[in-house]
All heavy atoms as atom14 arrays in JSON, in Angstrom:
{
  "sequence": "AVRVLPLTLLRKPVRNSFLRSFLFYVPYVTLAVM",
  "atom14_mask": [
    [1, 1, 1, 1, 1, 0, 0, 0, 0, 0, 0, 0, 0, 0],
    [1, 1, 1, 1, 1, 1, 1, 0, 0, 0, 0, 0, 0, 0],
    [1, 1, 1, 1, 1, 1, 1, 1, 1, 1, 1, 0, 0, 0],
    [1, 1, 1, 1, 1, 1, 1, 0, 0, 0, 0, 0, 0, 0],
    [1, 1, 1, 1, 1, 1, 1, 1, 0, 0, 0, 0, 0, 0],
    [1, 1, 1, 1, 1, 1, 1, 0, 0, 0, 0, 0, 0, 0],
    [1, 1, 1, 1, 1, 1, 1, 1, 0, 0, 0, 0, 0, 0],
    [1, 1, 1, 1, 1, 1, 1, 0, 0, 0, 0, 0, 0, 0],
    [1, 1, 1, 1, 1, 1, 1, 1, 0, 0, 0, 0, 0, 0],
    [1, 1, 1, 1, 1, 1, 1, 1, 0, 0, 0, 0, 0, 0],
    [1, 1, 1, 1, 1, 1, 1, 1, 1, 1, 1, 0, 0, 0],
    [1, 1, 1, 1, 1, 1, 1, 1, 1, 0, 0, 0, 0, 0],
    [1, 1, 1, 1, 1, 1, 1, 0, 0, 0, 0, 0, 0, 0],
    [1, 1, 1, 1, 1, 1, 1, 0, 0, 0, 0, 0, 0, 0],
    [1, 1, 1, 1, 1, 1, 1, 1, 1, 1, 1, 0, 0, 0],
    [1, 1, 1, 1, 1, 1, 1, 1, 0, 0, 0, 0, 0, 0],
    [1, 1, 1, 1, 1, 1, 0, 0, 0, 0, 0, 0, 0, 0],
    [1, 1, 1, 1, 1, 1, 1, 1, 1, 1, 1, 0, 0, 0],
    [1, 1, 1, 1, 1, 1, 1, 1, 0, 0, 0, 0, 0, 0],
    [1, 1, 1, 1, 1, 1, 1, 1, 1, 1, 1, 0, 0, 0],
    [1, 1, 1, 1, 1, 1, 0, 0, 0, 0, 0, 0, 0, 0],
    [1, 1, 1, 1, 1, 1, 1, 1, 1, 1, 1, 0, 0, 0],
    [1, 1, 1, 1, 1, 1, 1, 1, 0, 0, 0, 0, 0, 0],
    [1, 1, 1, 1, 1, 1, 1, 1, 1, 1, 1, 0, 0, 0],
    [1, 1, 1, 1, 1, 1, 1, 1, 1, 1, 1, 1, 0, 0],
    [1, 1, 1, 1, 1, 1, 1, 0, 0, 0, 0, 0, 0, 0],
    [1, 1, 1, 1, 1, 1, 1, 0, 0, 0, 0, 0, 0, 0],
    [1, 1, 1, 1, 1, 1, 1, 1, 1, 1, 1, 1, 0, 0],
    [1, 1, 1, 1, 1, 1, 1, 0, 0, 0, 0, 0, 0, 0],
    [1, 1, 1, 1, 1, 1, 1, 0, 0, 0, 0, 0, 0, 0],
    [1, 1, 1, 1, 1, 1, 1, 1, 0, 0, 0, 0, 0, 0],
    [1, 1, 1, 1, 1, 0, 0, 0, 0, 0, 0, 0, 0, 0],
    [1, 1, 1, 1, 1, 1, 1, 0, 0, 0, 0, 0, 0, 0],
    [1, 1, 1, 1, 1, 1, 1, 1, 0, 0, 0, 0, 0, 0]
  ],
  "atom14_positions": [
    [[-19.7, 24.54, 13.24], [-18.91, 25.13, 12.15], [-17.45, 24.7, 12.22], [-16.83, 24.39, 11.2], [-19.02, 26.65, 12.19], [0.0, 0.0, 0.0], [0.0, 0.0, 0.0], [0.0, 0.0, 0.0], [0.0, 0.0, 0.0], [0.0, 0.0, 0.0], [0.0, 0.0, 0.0], [0.0, 0.0, 0.0], [0.0, 0.0, 0.0], [0.0, 0.0, 0.0]],
    [[-16.9, 24.66, 13.43], [-15.5, 24.25, 13.6], [-15.3, 22.81, 13.17], [-14.28, 22.44, 12.6], [-15.05, 24.47, 15.06], [-13.76, 23.76, 15.37], [-14.93, 25.95, 15.36], [0.0, 0.0, 0.0], [0.0, 0.0, 0.0], [0.0, 0.0, 0.0], [0.0, 0.0, 0.0], [0.0, 0.0, 0.0], [0.0, 0.0, 0.0], [0.0, 0.0, 0.0]],
    [[-16.3, 21.97, 13.38], [-16.16, 20.56, 13.01], [-16.45, 20.31, 11.53], [-15.89, 19.4, 10.93], [-17.09, 19.71, 13.87], [-16.64, 19.71, 15.31], [-17.67, 19.06, 16.19], [-17.34, 19.26, 17.57], [-16.91, 18.31, 18.38], [-16.78, 17.09, 17.94], [-16.63, 18.57, 19.62], [0.0, 0.0, 0.0], [0.0, 0.0, 0.0], [0.0, 0.0, 0.0]],
    [[-17.34, 21.09, 10.94], [-17.74, 20.84, 9.56], [-16.86, 21.59, 8.57], [-16.63, 21.11, 7.45], [-19.23, 21.24, 9.36], [-19.62, 21.23, 7.91], [-20.11, 20.29, 10.15], [0.0, 0.0, 0.0], [0.0, 0.0, 0.0], [0.0, 0.0, 0.0], [0.0, 0.0, 0.0], [0.0, 0.0, 0.0], [0.0, 0.0, 0.0], [0.0, 0.0, 0.0]],
    [[-16.34, 22.75, 8.94], [-15.55, 23.56, 8.03], [-14.35, 22.82, 7.43], [-14.14, 22.87, 6.22], [-15.1, 24.84, 8.74], [-14.67, 25.99, 7.86], [-15.8, 26.4, 6.91], [-14.26, 27.17, 8.7], [0.0, 0.0, 0.0], [0.0, 0.0, 0.0], [0.0, 0.0, 0.0], [0.0, 0.0, 0.0], [0.0, 0.0, 0.0], [0.0, 0.0, 0.0]],
    [[-13.55, 22.11, 8.23], [-12.44, 21.37, 7.6], [-12.92, 20.3, 6.62], [-12.25, 20.04, 5.61], [-11.72, 20.72, 8.79], [-12.08, 21.56, 9.94], [-13.47, 22.07, 9.67], [0.0, 0.0, 0.0], [0.0, 0.0, 0.0], [0.0, 0.0, 0.0], [0.0, 0.0, 0.0], [0.0, 0.0, 0.0], [0.0, 0.0, 0.0], [0.0, 0.0, 0.0]],
    [[-14.05, 19.69, 6.9], [-14.56, 18.67, 5.97], [-14.96, 19.28, 4.63], [-14.81, 18.64, 3.59], [-15.77, 17.96, 6.59], [-15.48, 17.09, 7.81], [-16.77, 16.56, 8.39], [-14.56, 15.95, 7.44], [0.0, 0.0, 0.0], [0.0, 0.0, 0.0], [0.0, 0.0, 0.0], [0.0, 0.0, 0.0], [0.0, 0.0, 0.0], [0.0, 0.0, 0.0]],
    [[-15.48, 20.47, 4.66], [-15.9, 21.11, 3.4], [-14.74, 21.75, 2.66], [-14.74, 21.81, 1.44], [-16.98, 22.17, 3.67], [-16.46, 23.15, 4.57], [-18.23, 21.55, 4.26], [0.0, 0.0, 0.0], [0.0, 0.0, 0.0], [0.0, 0.0, 0.0], [0.0, 0.0, 0.0], [0.0, 0.0, 0.0], [0.0, 0.0, 0.0], [0.0, 0.0, 0.0]],
    [[-13.73, 22.23, 3.37], [-12.6, 22.91, 2.73], [-11.52, 21.94, 2.25], [-10.86, 22.2, 1.26], [-11.99, 23.94, 3.68], [-12.87, 25.13, 4.04], [-12.14, 26.04, 5.01], [-13.29, 25.9, 2.8], [0.0, 0.0, 0.0], [0.0, 0.0, 0.0], [0.0, 0.0, 0.0], [0.0, 0.0, 0.0], [0.0, 0.0, 0.0], [0.0, 0.0, 0.0]],
    [[-11.33, 20.86, 2.97], [-10.26, 19.92, 2.65], [-10.86, 18.64, 2.05], [-10.98, 17.63, 2.72], [-9.44, 19.58, 3.9], [-8.78, 20.75, 4.61], [-8.15, 20.29, 5.91], [-7.74, 21.38, 3.72], [0.0, 0.0, 0.0], [0.0, 0.0, 0.0], [0.0, 0.0, 0.0], [0.0, 0.0, 0.0], [0.0, 0.0, 0.0], [0.0, 0.0, 0.0]],
    [[-11.2, 18.7, 0.8], [-11.79, 17.52, 0.14], [-10.73, 16.57, -0.38], [-10.94, 15.39, -0.49], [-12.72, 17.96, -0.99], [-13.92, 18.69, -0.44], [-14.86, 19.07, -1.53], [-15.91, 19.89, -0.95], [-17.17, 19.77, -1.26], [-17.54, 18.89, -2.15], [-18.07, 20.53, -0.7], [0.0, 0.0, 0.0], [0.0, 0.0, 0.0], [0.0, 0.0, 0.0]],
    [[-9.57, 17.1, -0.73], [-8.49, 16.27, -1.22], [-7.55, 15.91, -0.07], [-7.5, 16.61, 0.93], [-7.7, 17.02, -2.3], [-8.5, 17.36, -3.53], [-7.67, 18.14, -4.5], [-8.5, 18.56, -5.69], [-7.73, 19.4, -6.62], [0.0, 0.0, 0.0], [0.0, 0.0, 0.0], [0.0, 0.0, 0.0], [0.0, 0.0, 0.0], [0.0, 0.0, 0.0]],
    [[-6.8, 14.83, -0.2], [-5.82, 14.51, 0.85], [-4.77, 15.61, 0.97], [-4.36, 16.2, -0.03], [-5.19, 13.21, 0.36], [-6.11, 12.66, -0.67], [-6.87, 13.82, -1.24], [0.0, 0.0, 0.0], [0.0, 0.0, 0.0], [0.0, 0.0, 0.0], [0.0, 0.0, 0.0], [0.0, 0.0, 0.0], [0.0, 0.0, 0.0], [0.0, 0.0, 0.0]],
    [[-4.32, 15.85, 2.19], [-3.3, 16.87, 2.44], [-1.95, 16.27, 2.07], [-1.55, 15.23, 2.6], [-3.32, 17.3, 3.92], [-2.23, 18.3, 4.2], [-4.68, 17.86, 4.29], [0.0, 0.0, 0.0], [0.0, 0.0, 0.0], [0.0, 0.0, 0.0], [0.0, 0.0, 0.0], [0.0, 0.0, 0.0], [0.0, 0.0, 0.0], [0.0, 0.0, 0.0]],
    [[-1.23, 16.92, 1.16], [0.05, 16.4, 0.68], [1.25, 17.13, 1.31], [2.36, 16.61, 1.29], [0.12, 16.52, -0.83], [-0.93, 15.68, -1.51], [-0.64, 15.56, -3.0], [-1.74, 14.94, -3.69], [-1.91, 13.64, -3.83], [-1.04, 12.83, -3.28], [-2.93, 13.16, -4.5], [0.0, 0.0, 0.0], [0.0, 0.0, 0.0], [0.0, 0.0, 0.0]],
    [[1.02, 18.29, 1.85], [2.1, 19.05, 2.47], [2.54, 18.34, 3.76], [1.74, 18.13, 4.67], [1.61, 20.46, 2.78], [2.71, 21.35, 3.29], [3.78, 20.9, 3.69], [2.44, 22.65, 3.28], [0.0, 0.0, 0.0], [0.0, 0.0, 0.0], [0.0, 0.0, 0.0], [0.0, 0.0, 0.0], [0.0, 0.0, 0.0], [0.0, 0.0, 0.0]],
    [[3.82, 17.97, 3.84], [4.3, 17.2, 4.99], [4.25, 18.02, 6.28], [3.96, 17.47, 7.35], [5.71, 16.68, 4.74], [6.6, 17.77, 4.56], [0.0, 0.0, 0.0], [0.0, 0.0, 0.0], [0.0, 0.0, 0.0], [0.0, 0.0, 0.0], [0.0, 0.0, 0.0], [0.0, 0.0, 0.0], [0.0, 0.0, 0.0], [0.0, 0.0, 0.0]],
    [[4.54, 19.32, 6.19], [4.49, 20.15, 7.39], [3.06, 20.23, 7.92], [2.82, 20.06, 9.12], [5.0, 21.56, 7.09], [4.87, 22.49, 8.26], [5.75, 22.41, 9.32], [3.86, 23.44, 8.31], [5.65, 23.25, 10.41], [3.74, 24.29, 9.39], [4.63, 24.2, 10.44], [0.0, 0.0, 0.0], [0.0, 0.0, 0.0], [0.0, 0.0, 0.0]],
    [[2.09, 20.46, 7.05], [0.69, 20.54, 7.47], [0.2, 19.2, 8.0], [-0.54, 19.14, 8.99], [-0.18, 21.01, 6.31], [-1.64, 21.3, 6.62], [-1.77, 22.35, 7.71], [-2.36, 21.77, 5.36], [0.0, 0.0, 0.0], [0.0, 0.0, 0.0], [0.0, 0.0, 0.0], [0.0, 0.0, 0.0], [0.0, 0.0, 0.0], [0.0, 0.0, 0.0]],
    [[0.63, 18.11, 7.38], [0.23, 16.78, 7.86], [0.77, 16.51, 9.26], [0.06, 15.99, 10.11], [0.72, 15.7, 6.9], [-0.1, 15.62, 5.65], [0.49, 14.59, 4.73], [0.48, 13.27, 5.35], [-0.25, 12.25, 4.94], [-0.99, 12.39, 3.87], [-0.2, 11.11, 5.56], [0.0, 0.0, 0.0], [0.0, 0.0, 0.0], [0.0, 0.0, 0.0]],
    [[2.01, 16.86, 9.5], [2.58, 16.65, 10.83], [1.91, 17.56, 11.85], [1.67, 17.16, 12.99], [4.09, 16.86, 10.82], [4.4, 18.2, 10.56], [0.0, 0.0, 0.0], [0.0, 0.0, 0.0], [0.0, 0.0, 0.0], [0.0, 0.0, 0.0], [0.0, 0.0, 0.0], [0.0, 0.0, 0.0], [0.0, 0.0, 0.0], [0.0, 0.0, 0.0]],
    [[1.59, 18.79, 11.45], [0.88, 19.71, 12.34], [-0.48, 19.13, 12.72], [-0.84, 19.09, 13.89], [0.72, 21.07, 11.66], [-0.13, 22.02, 12.43], [0.38, 22.68, 13.54], [-1.44, 22.26, 12.06], [-0.41, 23.56, 14.27], [-2.24, 23.13, 12.77], [-1.72, 23.78, 13.88], [0.0, 0.0, 0.0], [0.0, 0.0, 0.0], [0.0, 0.0, 0.0]],
    [[-1.23, 18.66, 11.75], [-2.55, 18.1, 12.02], [-2.47, 16.8, 12.82], [-3.38, 16.49, 13.57], [-3.3, 17.87, 10.7], [-3.69, 19.13, 9.94], [-4.28, 18.76, 8.59], [-4.66, 19.97, 10.75], [0.0, 0.0, 0.0], [0.0, 0.0, 0.0], [0.0, 0.0, 0.0], [0.0, 0.0, 0.0], [0.0, 0.0, 0.0], [0.0, 0.0, 0.0]],
    [[-1.38, 16.07, 12.67], [-1.22, 14.83, 13.42], [-1.09, 15.11, 14.92], [-1.63, 14.38, 15.75], [0.02, 14.08, 12.92], [0.31, 12.82, 13.68], [-0.42, 11.67, 13.43], [1.29, 12.8, 14.66], [-0.15, 10.5, 14.13], [1.56, 11.64, 15.36], [0.83, 10.49, 15.1], [0.0, 0.0, 0.0], [0.0, 0.0, 0.0], [0.0, 0.0, 0.0]],
    [[-0.38, 16.18, 15.29], [-0.12, 16.47, 16.7], [-1.18, 17.34, 17.37], [-1.14, 17.53, 18.58], [1.25, 17.13, 16.87], [2.38, 16.15, 16.64], [3.18, 16.25, 15.52], [2.61, 15.12, 17.53], [4.21, 15.35, 15.31], [3.62, 14.21, 17.33], [4.42, 14.33, 16.21], [5.42, 13.44, 16.0], [0.0, 0.0, 0.0], [0.0, 0.0, 0.0]],
    [[-2.13, 17.87, 16.65], [-3.15, 18.75, 17.24], [-3.93, 18.07, 18.37], [-4.12, 18.66, 19.43], [-4.08, 19.32, 16.14], [-5.33, 19.93, 16.74], [-3.34, 20.36, 15.33], [0.0, 0.0, 0.0], [0.0, 0.0, 0.0], [0.0, 0.0, 0.0], [0.0, 0.0, 0.0], [0.0, 0.0, 0.0], [0.0, 0.0, 0.0], [0.0, 0.0, 0.0]],
    [[-4.41, 16.83, 18.21], [-5.16, 16.22, 19.33], [-4.32, 16.06, 20.6], [-4.82, 16.27, 21.7], [-5.58, 14.85, 18.79], [-5.51, 14.98, 17.32], [-4.43, 15.98, 17.03], [0.0, 0.0, 0.0], [0.0, 0.0, 0.0], [0.0, 0.0, 0.0], [0.0, 0.0, 0.0], [0.0, 0.0, 0.0], [0.0, 0.0, 0.0], [0.0, 0.0, 0.0]],
    [[-3.05, 15.72, 20.46], [-2.19, 15.54, 21.63], [-1.94, 16.87, 22.34], [-1.97, 16.94, 23.57], [-0.85, 14.91, 21.22], [-1.02, 13.57, 20.56], [-0.76, 13.41, 19.2], [-1.46, 12.47, 21.28], [-0.92, 12.18, 18.59], [-1.62, 11.24, 20.68], [-1.36, 11.09, 19.33], [-1.51, 9.89, 18.73], [0.0, 0.0, 0.0], [0.0, 0.0, 0.0]],
    [[-1.71, 17.9, 21.57], [-1.48, 19.21, 22.17], [-2.74, 19.72, 22.86], [-2.68, 20.27, 23.95], [-0.99, 20.21, 21.09], [-0.96, 21.62, 21.62], [0.37, 19.79, 20.58], [0.0, 0.0, 0.0], [0.0, 0.0, 0.0], [0.0, 0.0, 0.0], [0.0, 0.0, 0.0], [0.0, 0.0, 0.0], [0.0, 0.0, 0.0], [0.0, 0.0, 0.0]],
    [[-3.88, 19.51, 22.23], [-5.14, 19.95, 22.83], [-5.39, 19.24, 24.15], [-5.77, 19.87, 25.15], [-6.3, 19.69, 21.86], [-6.01, 20.33, 20.62], [-7.61, 20.21, 22.41], [0.0, 0.0, 0.0], [0.0, 0.0, 0.0], [0.0, 0.0, 0.0], [0.0, 0.0, 0.0], [0.0, 0.0, 0.0], [0.0, 0.0, 0.0], [0.0, 0.0, 0.0]],
    [[-5.15, 17.94, 24.19], [-5.32, 17.19, 25.43], [-4.35, 17.67, 26.5], [-4.73, 17.83, 27.66], [-5.12, 15.7, 25.15], [-5.27, 14.78, 26.34], [-6.71, 14.85, 26.88], [-4.93, 13.36, 25.96], [0.0, 0.0, 0.0], [0.0, 0.0, 0.0], [0.0, 0.0, 0.0], [0.0, 0.0, 0.0], [0.0, 0.0, 0.0], [0.0, 0.0, 0.0]],
    [[-3.12, 17.93, 26.11], [-2.13, 18.41, 27.07], [-2.5, 19.78, 27.64], [-2.38, 20.02, 28.84], [-0.75, 18.47, 26.41], [0.0, 0.0, 0.0], [0.0, 0.0, 0.0], [0.0, 0.0, 0.0], [0.0, 0.0, 0.0], [0.0, 0.0, 0.0], [0.0, 0.0, 0.0], [0.0, 0.0, 0.0], [0.0, 0.0, 0.0], [0.0, 0.0, 0.0]],
    [[-2.97, 20.67, 26.78], [-3.34, 22.01, 27.23], [-4.52, 21.96, 28.2], [-4.59, 22.75, 29.14], [-3.66, 22.91, 26.0], [-4.36, 24.18, 26.41], [-2.39, 23.22, 25.25], [0.0, 0.0, 0.0], [0.0, 0.0, 0.0], [0.0, 0.0, 0.0], [0.0, 0.0, 0.0], [0.0, 0.0, 0.0], [0.0, 0.0, 0.0], [0.0, 0.0, 0.0]],
    [[-5.42, 21.03, 28.01], [-6.56, 20.91, 28.92], [-6.19, 20.17, 30.2], [-6.75, 20.44, 31.26], [-7.72, 20.19, 28.23], [-8.34, 20.96, 27.11], [-9.81, 20.21, 26.42], [-9.33, 18.53, 26.14], [0.0, 0.0, 0.0], [0.0, 0.0, 0.0], [0.0, 0.0, 0.0], [0.0, 0.0, 0.0], [0.0, 0.0, 0.0], [0.0, 0.0, 0.0]]
  ]
}
């Protein structure tokens, strides 16, 4: 569900610059936390 939910909810490209930058850094933060 965690992997499929964003695919079903976000069908259009994300145009909000804050949200785009947030999503860009999520993998790096997740790796750092682990």
